[in-house]
Amino acid sequence: MQDLADLLPRVGRLSEVAGQAILEVYRTPSRLCERQEQIQVSYKADCSPLTEADLTSHHLILQGLQDLTPGIPVLSEESGEIPYPERQQWGRFWLVDPLDGTREFIQRNGQFTVNIALIEEGIPILGVVHAPALGLTYAAAQKLGAHKRERTPFRFCEQPIRACPSAQEPLQVVASRSHSNPETKQFLEQLQQRCGSLEVKSVGSALKLCLVAEGSAHLYPRFGPTMEWDTAAAQCVVEQAGGRVTDLAGDPLRYNKPDLHNPPFVAAAEGMAQLWQNLIP
């Protein structure tokens, strides 16, 4: 097994390869002027959308990870039917969302990502979140910190990122673009009553967590359903940037559970739990 410092840039490059394949579907010239519903979409058993880009990215990442780390199993959103008795034996495994934010992809707003995480004993120890349409990559690994790589017109810029350590006014909160619910609305209303000035930004995919990691947002509350592959890579980025992703009791999210659904959670910089925990019933 390669060390994380060697593995992280390789996984970053793999995410970019998958991202490029996604963009080939996203930017197909014959579809550029068509309405969004013309993208070929099927639906899985849980009614979530599935496109050609999801499957293409899945197969590229699966093969790439098998070549990179032959002995480590892979759990992808598109292979989530692996039974728990088999997964239970995994000490280390890759957890992948080949296209997080399929609704954003279909709507062509650019806010979709490729998420790749390495999990060890339930903890994300390496994570890459790549947003191909935005030219952004967030990457982190244990003891290596978190970085943001951004494509500019003439070059790539890479810099370390840190979660915002204090809640300056107005409080910046990020929320789901496609999955709002009454619990989130109530939480935000209570938060505004407590903190006064509040700005809420709606964003798609794992980018919400990454905004907390880079300090652009103070909090990301999520009370709607998510799956483990939605959050693992970005949780690593948040944690290595000095933040936390915890359930409503304050315990970090953990992975490879019998049920792959996440509990409700809040992502925030370290030390900001007092801002929100007493708002939870």
C-alpha atoms as a PDB file:
ATOM      1  CA  MET A   1       0.000   0.000   0.000  1.00  0.00           C
ATOM      2  CA  GLN A   2       1.423   3.363  -1.040  1.00  0.00           C
ATOM      3  CA  ASP A   3       1.611   6.090   1.568  1.00  0.00           C
ATOM      4  CA  LEU A   4      -1.008   8.806   1.438  1.00  0.00           C
ATOM      5  CA  ALA A   5       1.373  11.484   0.165  1.00  0.00           C
ATOM      6  CA  ASP A   6       2.061   9.354  -2.910  1.00  0.00           C
ATOM      7  CA  LEU A   7      -1.537   8.263  -3.339  1.00  0.00           C
ATOM      8  CA  LEU A   8      -3.267  11.641  -3.074  1.00  0.00           C
ATOM      9  CA  PRO A   9      -2.008  13.226  -6.334  1.00  0.00           C
ATOM     10  CA  ARG A  10      -2.680   9.996  -8.220  1.00  0.00           C
ATOM     11  CA  VAL A  11      -6.260   9.924  -7.016  1.00  0.00           C
ATOM     12  CA  GLY A  12      -6.555  13.594  -7.914  1.00  0.00           C
ATOM     13  CA  ARG A  13      -5.495  12.839 -11.477  1.00  0.00           C
ATOM     14  CA  LEU A  14      -7.949   9.941 -11.658  1.00  0.00           C
ATOM     15  CA  SER A  15     -10.780  12.237 -10.566  1.00  0.00           C
ATOM     16  CA  GLU A  16      -9.824  14.652 -13.342  1.00  0.00           C
ATOM     17  CA  VAL A  17      -9.853  11.852 -15.932  1.00  0.00           C
ATOM     18  CA  ALA A  18     -13.350  10.894 -14.795  1.00  0.00           C
ATOM     19  CA  GLY A  19     -14.332  14.567 -14.777  1.00  0.00           C
ATOM     20  CA  GLN A  20     -13.173  15.000 -18.357  1.00  0.00           C
ATOM     21  CA  ALA A  21     -15.305  12.040 -19.428  1.00  0.00           C
ATOM     22  CA  ILE A  22     -18.292  13.601 -17.669  1.00  0.00           C
ATOM     23  CA  LEU A  23     -17.683  16.892 -19.477  1.00  0.00           C
ATOM     24  CA  GLU A  24     -17.693  15.111 -22.828  1.00  0.00           C
ATOM     25  CA  VAL A  25     -21.319  14.204 -22.144  1.00  0.00           C
ATOM     26  CA  TYR A  26     -22.106  17.551 -20.501  1.00  0.00           C
ATOM     27  CA  ARG A  27     -20.722  19.593 -23.390  1.00  0.00           C
ATOM     28  CA  THR A  28     -21.774  17.465 -26.348  1.00  0.00           C
ATOM     29  CA  PRO A  29     -22.244  20.109 -29.095  1.00  0.00           C
ATOM     30  CA  SER A  30     -25.527  18.669 -30.340  1.00  0.00           C
ATOM     31  CA  ARG A  31     -26.969  19.125 -26.858  1.00  0.00           C
ATOM     32  CA  LEU A  32     -25.695  22.582 -26.009  1.00  0.00           C
ATOM     33  CA  CYS A  33     -28.839  24.376 -27.187  1.00  0.00           C
ATOM     34  CA  GLU A  34     -31.337  21.715 -26.200  1.00  0.00           C
ATOM     35  CA  ARG A  35     -33.527  21.835 -23.139  1.00  0.00           C
ATOM     36  CA  GLN A  36     -32.199  20.029 -20.075  1.00  0.00           C
ATOM     37  CA  GLU A  37     -34.801  17.253 -20.313  1.00  0.00           C
ATOM     38  CA  GLN A  38     -33.186  16.101 -23.578  1.00  0.00           C
ATOM     39  CA  ILE A  39     -30.263  14.627 -21.625  1.00  0.00           C
ATOM     40  CA  GLN A  40     -30.903  10.895 -21.496  1.00  0.00           C
ATOM     41  CA  VAL A  41     -31.939  10.100 -17.929  1.00  0.00           C
ATOM     42  CA  SER A  42     -33.056   6.850 -16.355  1.00  0.00           C
ATOM     43  CA  TYR A  43     -34.101   6.328 -12.745  1.00  0.00           C
ATOM     44  CA  LYS A  44     -32.865   3.919 -10.104  1.00  0.00           C
ATOM     45  CA  ALA A  45     -35.048   2.047  -7.615  1.00  0.00           C
ATOM     46  CA  ASP A  46     -34.942   4.990  -5.181  1.00  0.00           C
ATOM     47  CA  CYS A  47     -36.111   7.337  -7.988  1.00  0.00           C
ATOM     48  CA  SER A  48     -32.733   9.126  -8.144  1.00  0.00           C
ATOM     49  CA  PRO A  49     -31.603  10.026 -11.673  1.00  0.00           C
ATOM     50  CA  LEU A  50     -28.917   8.132 -13.573  1.00  0.00           C
ATOM     51  CA  THR A  51     -27.151   9.310 -16.751  1.00  0.00           C
ATOM     52  CA  GLU A  52     -24.563   8.018 -19.190  1.00  0.00           C
ATOM     53  CA  ALA A  53     -22.026  10.254 -17.441  1.00  0.00           C
ATOM     54  CA  ASP A  54     -22.601   8.520 -14.053  1.00  0.00           C
ATOM     55  CA  LEU A  55     -21.840   5.124 -15.533  1.00  0.00           C
ATOM     56  CA  THR A  56     -18.876   6.245 -17.617  1.00  0.00           C
ATOM     57  CA  SER A  57     -17.271   7.899 -14.600  1.00  0.00           C
ATOM     58  CA  HIS A  58     -18.002   4.848 -12.438  1.00  0.00           C
ATOM     59  CA  HIS A  59     -16.230   2.434 -14.785  1.00  0.00           C
ATOM     60  CA  LEU A  60     -13.218   4.719 -15.254  1.00  0.00           C
ATOM     61  CA  ILE A  61     -12.754   5.200 -11.506  1.00  0.00           C
ATOM     62  CA  LEU A  62     -13.321   1.518 -10.710  1.00  0.00           C
ATOM     63  CA  GLN A  63     -10.646   0.451 -13.195  1.00  0.00           C
ATOM     64  CA  GLY A  64      -8.289   3.239 -12.135  1.00  0.00           C
ATOM     65  CA  LEU A  65      -8.488   2.352  -8.445  1.00  0.00           C
ATOM     66  CA  GLN A  66      -8.065  -1.351  -9.160  1.00  0.00           C
ATOM     67  CA  ASP A  67      -4.898  -0.531 -11.112  1.00  0.00           C
ATOM     68  CA  LEU A  68      -3.659   1.852  -8.433  1.00  0.00           C
ATOM     69  CA  THR A  69      -4.374  -0.304  -5.369  1.00  0.00           C
ATOM     70  CA  PRO A  70      -5.192  -3.840  -6.549  1.00  0.00           C
ATOM     71  CA  GLY A  71      -5.934  -5.253  -3.112  1.00  0.00           C
ATOM     72  CA  ILE A  72      -8.364  -2.603  -1.894  1.00  0.00           C
ATOM     73  CA  PRO A  73     -12.089  -3.074  -2.627  1.00  0.00           C
ATOM     74  CA  VAL A  74     -14.257  -0.315  -4.065  1.00  0.00           C
ATOM     75  CA  LEU A  75     -17.777   0.669  -3.049  1.00  0.00           C
ATOM     76  CA  SER A  76     -19.362   3.039  -5.545  1.00  0.00           C
ATOM     77  CA  GLU A  77     -22.834   4.538  -5.681  1.00  0.00           C
ATOM     78  CA  GLU A  78     -23.338   2.457  -8.807  1.00  0.00           C
ATOM     79  CA  SER A  79     -22.304  -0.737  -6.978  1.00  0.00           C
ATOM     80  CA  GLY A  80     -24.000  -0.031  -3.648  1.00  0.00           C
ATOM     81  CA  GLU A  81     -25.734  -3.405  -3.571  1.00  0.00           C
ATOM     82  CA  ILE A  82     -22.649  -5.140  -2.085  1.00  0.00           C
ATOM     83  CA  PRO A  83     -24.080  -6.922   0.989  1.00  0.00           C
ATOM     84  CA  TYR A  84     -22.938  -5.895   4.456  1.00  0.00           C
ATOM     85  CA  PRO A  85     -21.593  -9.346   5.476  1.00  0.00           C
ATOM     86  CA  GLU A  86     -19.069  -8.953   2.636  1.00  0.00           C
ATOM     87  CA  ARG A  87     -18.322  -5.275   3.310  1.00  0.00           C
ATOM     88  CA  GLN A  88     -17.994  -5.898   7.035  1.00  0.00           C
ATOM     89  CA  GLN A  89     -14.653  -7.601   6.458  1.00  0.00           C
ATOM     90  CA  TRP A  90     -13.122  -4.541   4.796  1.00  0.00           C
ATOM     91  CA  GLY A  91     -10.514  -2.726   6.877  1.00  0.00           C
ATOM     92  CA  ARG A  92      -9.689  -0.315   4.070  1.00  0.00           C
ATOM     93  CA  PHE A  93     -11.808   0.431   1.027  1.00  0.00           C
ATOM     94  CA  TRP A  94     -12.493   3.112  -1.553  1.00  0.00           C
ATOM     95  CA  LEU A  95     -15.843   4.908  -1.332  1.00  0.00           C
ATOM     96  CA  VAL A  96     -16.853   6.635  -4.553  1.00  0.00           C
ATOM     97  CA  ASP A  97     -19.592   8.828  -5.937  1.00  0.00           C
ATOM     98  CA  PRO A  98     -18.735   8.964  -9.643  1.00  0.00           C
ATOM     99  CA  LEU A  99     -21.125  11.876 -10.243  1.00  0.00           C
ATOM    100  CA  ASP A 100     -22.437  13.641  -7.159  1.00  0.00           C
ATOM    101  CA  GLY A 101     -25.161  16.114  -8.027  1.00  0.00           C
ATOM    102  CA  THR A 102     -26.739  14.368 -11.003  1.00  0.00           C
ATOM    103  CA  ARG A 103     -29.663  16.799 -10.790  1.00  0.00           C
ATOM    104  CA  GLU A 104     -27.192  19.683 -11.084  1.00  0.00           C
ATOM    105  CA  PHE A 105     -25.624  17.933 -14.065  1.00  0.00           C
ATOM    106  CA  ILE A 106     -29.018  17.577 -15.739  1.00  0.00           C
ATOM    107  CA  GLN A 107     -29.839  21.222 -14.996  1.00  0.00           C
ATOM    108  CA  ARG A 108     -26.436  22.274 -16.395  1.00  0.00           C
ATOM    109  CA  ASN A 109     -25.496  24.583 -13.512  1.00  0.00           C
ATOM    110  CA  GLY A 110     -21.976  23.161 -13.142  1.00  0.00           C
ATOM    111  CA  GLN A 111     -22.353  22.260  -9.448  1.00  0.00           C
ATOM    112  CA  PHE A 112     -21.601  18.546  -9.682  1.00  0.00           C
ATOM    113  CA  THR A 113     -18.548  16.664  -8.467  1.00  0.00           C
ATOM    114  CA  VAL A 114     -16.533  13.461  -8.577  1.00  0.00           C
ATOM    115  CA  ASN A 115     -15.984  12.167  -5.025  1.00  0.00           C
ATOM    116  CA  ILE A 116     -13.304   9.595  -4.135  1.00  0.00           C
ATOM    117  CA  ALA A 117     -12.475   8.676  -0.519  1.00  0.00           C
ATOM    118  CA  LEU A 118     -10.236   6.100   1.125  1.00  0.00           C
ATOM    119  CA  ILE A 119     -11.844   4.717   4.277  1.00  0.00           C
ATOM    120  CA  GLU A 120      -9.913   3.007   7.074  1.00  0.00           C
ATOM    121  CA  GLU A 121     -11.875   1.431   9.943  1.00  0.00           C
ATOM    122  CA  GLY A 122     -14.824   3.700   9.233  1.00  0.00           C
ATOM    123  CA  ILE A 123     -12.794   6.931   9.003  1.00  0.00           C
ATOM    124  CA  PRO A 124     -12.123   8.856   5.748  1.00  0.00           C
ATOM    125  CA  ILE A 125      -8.317   9.186   5.632  1.00  0.00           C
ATOM    126  CA  LEU A 126      -8.031  10.536   2.070  1.00  0.00           C
ATOM    127  CA  GLY A 127     -10.524  12.499   0.026  1.00  0.00           C
ATOM    128  CA  VAL A 128     -10.723  14.157  -3.382  1.00  0.00           C
ATOM    129  CA  VAL A 129     -13.676  16.237  -4.573  1.00  0.00           C
ATOM    130  CA  HIS A 130     -13.352  17.379  -8.190  1.00  0.00           C
ATOM    131  CA  ALA A 131     -15.803  19.792  -9.831  1.00  0.00           C
ATOM    132  CA  PRO A 132     -14.968  19.434 -13.546  1.00  0.00           C
ATOM    133  CA  ALA A 133     -17.243  22.162 -14.914  1.00  0.00           C
ATOM    134  CA  LEU A 134     -15.848  24.666 -12.397  1.00  0.00           C
ATOM    135  CA  GLY A 135     -12.186  23.716 -12.727  1.00  0.00           C
ATOM    136  CA  LEU A 136     -11.911  23.027  -8.974  1.00  0.00           C
ATOM    137  CA  THR A 137     -10.363  20.179  -7.022  1.00  0.00           C
ATOM    138  CA  TYR A 138     -10.340  19.829  -3.243  1.00  0.00           C
ATOM    139  CA  ALA A 139      -7.940  17.224  -1.869  1.00  0.00           C
ATOM    140  CA  ALA A 140      -6.892  16.127   1.612  1.00  0.00           C
ATOM    141  CA  ALA A 141      -5.338  13.270   3.543  1.00  0.00           C
ATOM    142  CA  GLN A 142      -4.535  12.583   7.171  1.00  0.00           C
ATOM    143  CA  LYS A 143      -1.569  14.647   8.391  1.00  0.00           C
ATOM    144  CA  LEU A 144      -1.232  16.288   4.948  1.00  0.00           C
ATOM    145  CA  GLY A 145      -3.775  19.075   5.376  1.00  0.00           C
ATOM    146  CA  ALA A 146      -6.333  20.168   2.792  1.00  0.00           C
ATOM    147  CA  HIS A 147      -5.732  21.984  -0.502  1.00  0.00           C
ATOM    148  CA  LYS A 148      -7.771  23.608  -3.216  1.00  0.00           C
ATOM    149  CA  ARG A 149      -6.609  23.486  -6.837  1.00  0.00           C
ATOM    150  CA  GLU A 150      -8.256  25.961  -9.192  1.00  0.00           C
ATOM    151  CA  ARG A 151      -7.976  26.337 -12.943  1.00  0.00           C
ATOM    152  CA  THR A 152      -7.395  29.926 -14.074  1.00  0.00           C
ATOM    153  CA  PRO A 153      -7.227  31.160 -17.684  1.00  0.00           C
ATOM    154  CA  PHE A 154      -3.456  30.646 -17.848  1.00  0.00           C
ATOM    155  CA  ARG A 155      -2.508  28.141 -15.145  1.00  0.00           C
ATOM    156  CA  PHE A 156      -3.568  26.103 -12.135  1.00  0.00           C
ATOM    157  CA  CYS A 157      -3.340  27.658  -8.681  1.00  0.00           C
ATOM    158  CA  GLU A 158      -3.063  25.431  -5.615  1.00  0.00           C
ATOM    159  CA  GLN A 159      -3.271  26.635  -2.043  1.00  0.00           C
ATOM    160  CA  PRO A 160      -3.931  25.242   1.445  1.00  0.00           C
ATOM    161  CA  ILE A 161      -7.390  25.863   2.869  1.00  0.00           C
ATOM    162  CA  ARG A 162      -8.730  26.250   6.423  1.00  0.00           C
ATOM    163  CA  ALA A 163     -12.221  26.279   7.852  1.00  0.00           C
ATOM    164  CA  CYS A 164     -13.259  29.635   9.294  1.00  0.00           C
ATOM    165  CA  PRO A 165     -12.423  29.545  13.034  1.00  0.00           C
ATOM    166  CA  SER A 166     -14.954  32.137  14.177  1.00  0.00           C
ATOM    167  CA  ALA A 167     -18.447  33.262  13.261  1.00  0.00           C
ATOM    168  CA  GLN A 168     -18.124  36.779  11.955  1.00  0.00           C
ATOM    169  CA  GLU A 169     -21.310  38.565  10.947  1.00  0.00           C
ATOM    170  CA  PRO A 170     -23.176  37.923   8.830  1.00  0.00           C
ATOM    171  CA  LEU A 171     -23.091  34.172   9.483  1.00  0.00           C
ATOM    172  CA  GLN A 172     -22.556  32.360   6.193  1.00  0.00           C
ATOM    173  CA  VAL A 173     -24.632  29.195   5.839  1.00  0.00           C
ATOM    174  CA  VAL A 174     -24.719  26.870   2.865  1.00  0.00           C
ATOM    175  CA  ALA A 175     -27.735  24.659   2.120  1.00  0.00           C
ATOM    176  CA  SER A 176     -28.774  22.058  -0.410  1.00  0.00           C
ATOM    177  CA  ARG A 177     -29.960  23.367  -3.761  1.00  0.00           C
ATOM    178  CA  SER A 178     -32.129  20.330  -4.580  1.00  0.00           C
ATOM    179  CA  HIS A 179     -33.108  18.881  -1.187  1.00  0.00           C
ATOM    180  CA  SER A 180     -34.536  21.537   1.103  1.00  0.00           C
ATOM    181  CA  ASN A 181     -37.006  20.406   3.783  1.00  0.00           C
ATOM    182  CA  PRO A 182     -39.019  21.817   6.730  1.00  0.00           C
ATOM    183  CA  GLU A 183     -36.375  20.750   9.287  1.00  0.00           C
ATOM    184  CA  THR A 184     -33.715  22.792   7.527  1.00  0.00           C
ATOM    185  CA  LYS A 185     -36.020  25.802   7.246  1.00  0.00           C
ATOM    186  CA  GLN A 186     -36.824  25.628  10.966  1.00  0.00           C
ATOM    187  CA  PHE A 187     -33.152  25.276  11.891  1.00  0.00           C
ATOM    188  CA  LEU A 188     -32.218  28.316   9.811  1.00  0.00           C
ATOM    189  CA  GLU A 189     -34.999  30.391  11.341  1.00  0.00           C
ATOM    190  CA  GLN A 190     -33.827  29.494  14.861  1.00  0.00           C
ATOM    191  CA  LEU A 191     -30.216  30.161  13.900  1.00  0.00           C
ATOM    192  CA  GLN A 192     -31.145  33.601  12.606  1.00  0.00           C
ATOM    193  CA  GLN A 193     -33.029  34.400  15.809  1.00  0.00           C
ATOM    194  CA  ARG A 194     -29.943  33.498  17.800  1.00  0.00           C
ATOM    195  CA  CYS A 195     -27.234  35.024  15.611  1.00  0.00           C
ATOM    196  CA  GLY A 196     -29.005  37.921  13.945  1.00  0.00           C
ATOM    197  CA  SER A 197     -27.523  38.495  10.506  1.00  0.00           C
ATOM    198  CA  LEU A 198     -27.553  35.375   8.345  1.00  0.00           C
ATOM    199  CA  GLU A 199     -26.767  34.748   4.674  1.00  0.00           C
ATOM    200  CA  VAL A 200     -27.826  31.451   3.107  1.00  0.00           C
ATOM    201  CA  LYS A 201     -26.381  30.212  -0.164  1.00  0.00           C
ATOM    202  CA  SER A 202     -27.850  27.246  -2.065  1.00  0.00           C
ATOM    203  CA  VAL A 203     -25.244  24.982  -3.651  1.00  0.00           C
ATOM    204  CA  GLY A 204     -25.290  21.502  -5.165  1.00  0.00           C
ATOM    205  CA  SER A 205     -23.317  18.326  -4.444  1.00  0.00           C
ATOM    206  CA  ALA A 206     -20.324  17.922  -2.102  1.00  0.00           C
ATOM    207  CA  LEU A 207     -19.324  21.512  -2.869  1.00  0.00           C
ATOM    208  CA  LYS A 208     -21.362  22.551   0.183  1.00  0.00           C
ATOM    209  CA  LEU A 209     -18.943  20.759   2.490  1.00  0.00           C
ATOM    210  CA  CYS A 210     -15.973  22.129   0.574  1.00  0.00           C
ATOM    211  CA  LEU A 211     -17.193  25.694   1.087  1.00  0.00           C
ATOM    212  CA  VAL A 212     -17.034  25.058   4.837  1.00  0.00           C
ATOM    213  CA  ALA A 213     -13.536  23.591   4.418  1.00  0.00           C
ATOM    214  CA  GLU A 214     -12.222  26.642   2.567  1.00  0.00           C
ATOM    215  CA  GLY A 215     -13.804  29.116   4.997  1.00  0.00           C
ATOM    216  CA  SER A 216     -16.396  30.521   2.575  1.00  0.00           C
ATOM    217  CA  ALA A 217     -19.207  29.227   4.796  1.00  0.00           C
ATOM    218  CA  HIS A 218     -19.456  28.787   8.558  1.00  0.00           C
ATOM    219  CA  LEU A 219     -22.101  26.054   8.657  1.00  0.00           C
ATOM    220  CA  TYR A 220     -23.734  23.440   6.478  1.00  0.00           C
ATOM    221  CA  PRO A 221     -26.738  21.766   8.134  1.00  0.00           C
ATOM    222  CA  ARG A 222     -28.159  18.705   6.400  1.00  0.00           C
ATOM    223  CA  PHE A 223     -31.358  17.127   7.680  1.00  0.00           C
ATOM    224  CA  GLY A 224     -32.457  15.487   4.430  1.00  0.00           C
ATOM    225  CA  PRO A 225     -31.281  12.049   3.276  1.00  0.00           C
ATOM    226  CA  THR A 226     -27.710  11.489   2.091  1.00  0.00           C
ATOM    227  CA  MET A 227     -25.620   8.403   1.438  1.00  0.00           C
ATOM    228  CA  GLU A 228     -22.126   7.592   2.623  1.00  0.00           C
ATOM    229  CA  TRP A 229     -20.587   8.187  -0.833  1.00  0.00           C
ATOM    230  CA  ASP A 230     -22.107  11.699  -0.870  1.00  0.00           C
ATOM    231  CA  THR A 231     -20.046  12.886   2.101  1.00  0.00           C
ATOM    232  CA  ALA A 232     -16.939  10.764   2.742  1.00  0.00           C
ATOM    233  CA  ALA A 233     -14.429  12.510   0.476  1.00  0.00           C
ATOM    234  CA  ALA A 234     -15.591  15.998   1.442  1.00  0.00           C
ATOM    235  CA  GLN A 235     -15.646  15.083   5.131  1.00  0.00           C
ATOM    236  CA  CYS A 236     -11.934  14.281   4.890  1.00  0.00           C
ATOM    237  CA  VAL A 237     -11.358  17.677   3.283  1.00  0.00           C
ATOM    238  CA  VAL A 238     -13.326  19.458   6.020  1.00  0.00           C
ATOM    239  CA  GLU A 239     -11.576  17.604   8.844  1.00  0.00           C
ATOM    240  CA  GLN A 240      -8.085  18.157   7.472  1.00  0.00           C
ATOM    241  CA  ALA A 241      -8.969  21.841   7.011  1.00  0.00           C
ATOM    242  CA  GLY A 242      -9.767  22.167  10.701  1.00  0.00           C
ATOM    243  CA  GLY A 243     -13.502  21.520  10.640  1.00  0.00           C
ATOM    244  CA  ARG A 244     -15.881  18.809  11.754  1.00  0.00           C
ATOM    245  CA  VAL A 245     -18.731  16.846  10.150  1.00  0.00           C
ATOM    246  CA  THR A 246     -20.861  15.408  12.937  1.00  0.00           C
ATOM    247  CA  ASP A 247     -24.254  13.960  13.620  1.00  0.00           C
ATOM    248  CA  LEU A 248     -26.639  15.948  15.781  1.00  0.00           C
ATOM    249  CA  ALA A 249     -25.090  14.484  18.941  1.00  0.00           C
ATOM    250  CA  GLY A 250     -21.675  15.836  17.928  1.00  0.00           C
ATOM    251  CA  ASP A 251     -20.125  12.524  16.863  1.00  0.00           C
ATOM    252  CA  PRO A 252     -18.187  12.362  13.548  1.00  0.00           C
ATOM    253  CA  LEU A 253     -19.881  10.581  10.665  1.00  0.00           C
ATOM    254  CA  ARG A 254     -18.558   7.051  10.185  1.00  0.00           C
ATOM    255  CA  TYR A 255     -18.591   4.772   7.172  1.00  0.00           C
ATOM    256  CA  ASN A 256     -19.356   1.207   6.057  1.00  0.00           C
ATOM    257  CA  LYS A 257     -22.415   0.890   8.267  1.00  0.00           C
ATOM    258  CA  PRO A 258     -24.975  -1.877   7.629  1.00  0.00           C
ATOM    259  CA  ASP A 259     -27.283   0.878   6.354  1.00  0.00           C
ATOM    260  CA  LEU A 260     -25.351   3.191   4.016  1.00  0.00           C
ATOM    261  CA  HIS A 261     -27.587   6.185   4.755  1.00  0.00           C
ATOM    262  CA  ASN A 262     -26.020   9.017   6.756  1.00  0.00           C
ATOM    263  CA  PRO A 263     -27.798  10.451   9.779  1.00  0.00           C
ATOM    264  CA  PRO A 264     -28.650  14.179   9.777  1.00  0.00           C
ATOM    265  CA  PHE A 265     -25.434  16.158  10.224  1.00  0.00           C
ATOM    266  CA  VAL A 266     -23.838  19.585  10.464  1.00  0.00           C
ATOM    267  CA  ALA A 267     -20.472  20.590   8.998  1.00  0.00           C
ATOM    268  CA  ALA A 268     -18.685  23.503  10.656  1.00  0.00           C
ATOM    269  CA  ALA A 269     -15.307  24.766  11.759  1.00  0.00           C
ATOM    270  CA  GLU A 270     -13.880  23.281  14.958  1.00  0.00           C
ATOM    271  CA  GLY A 271     -15.283  24.952  18.066  1.00  0.00           C
ATOM    272  CA  MET A 272     -18.518  26.213  16.485  1.00  0.00           C
ATOM    273  CA  ALA A 273     -20.795  23.493  17.847  1.00  0.00           C
ATOM    274  CA  GLN A 274     -22.144  25.868  20.491  1.00  0.00           C
ATOM    275  CA  LEU A 275     -23.716  27.898  17.684  1.00  0.00           C
ATOM    276  CA  TRP A 276     -26.085  25.133  16.676  1.00  0.00           C
ATOM    277  CA  GLN A 277     -26.284  22.182  19.070  1.00  0.00           C
ATOM    278  CA  ASN A 278     -28.804  23.786  21.452  1.00  0.00           C
ATOM    279  CA  LEU A 279     -31.091  24.456  18.461  1.00  0.00           C
ATOM    280  CA  ILE A 280     -31.605  20.709  17.978  1.00  0.00           C
ATOM    281  CA  PRO A 281     -34.740  19.336  19.696  1.00  0.00           C
END
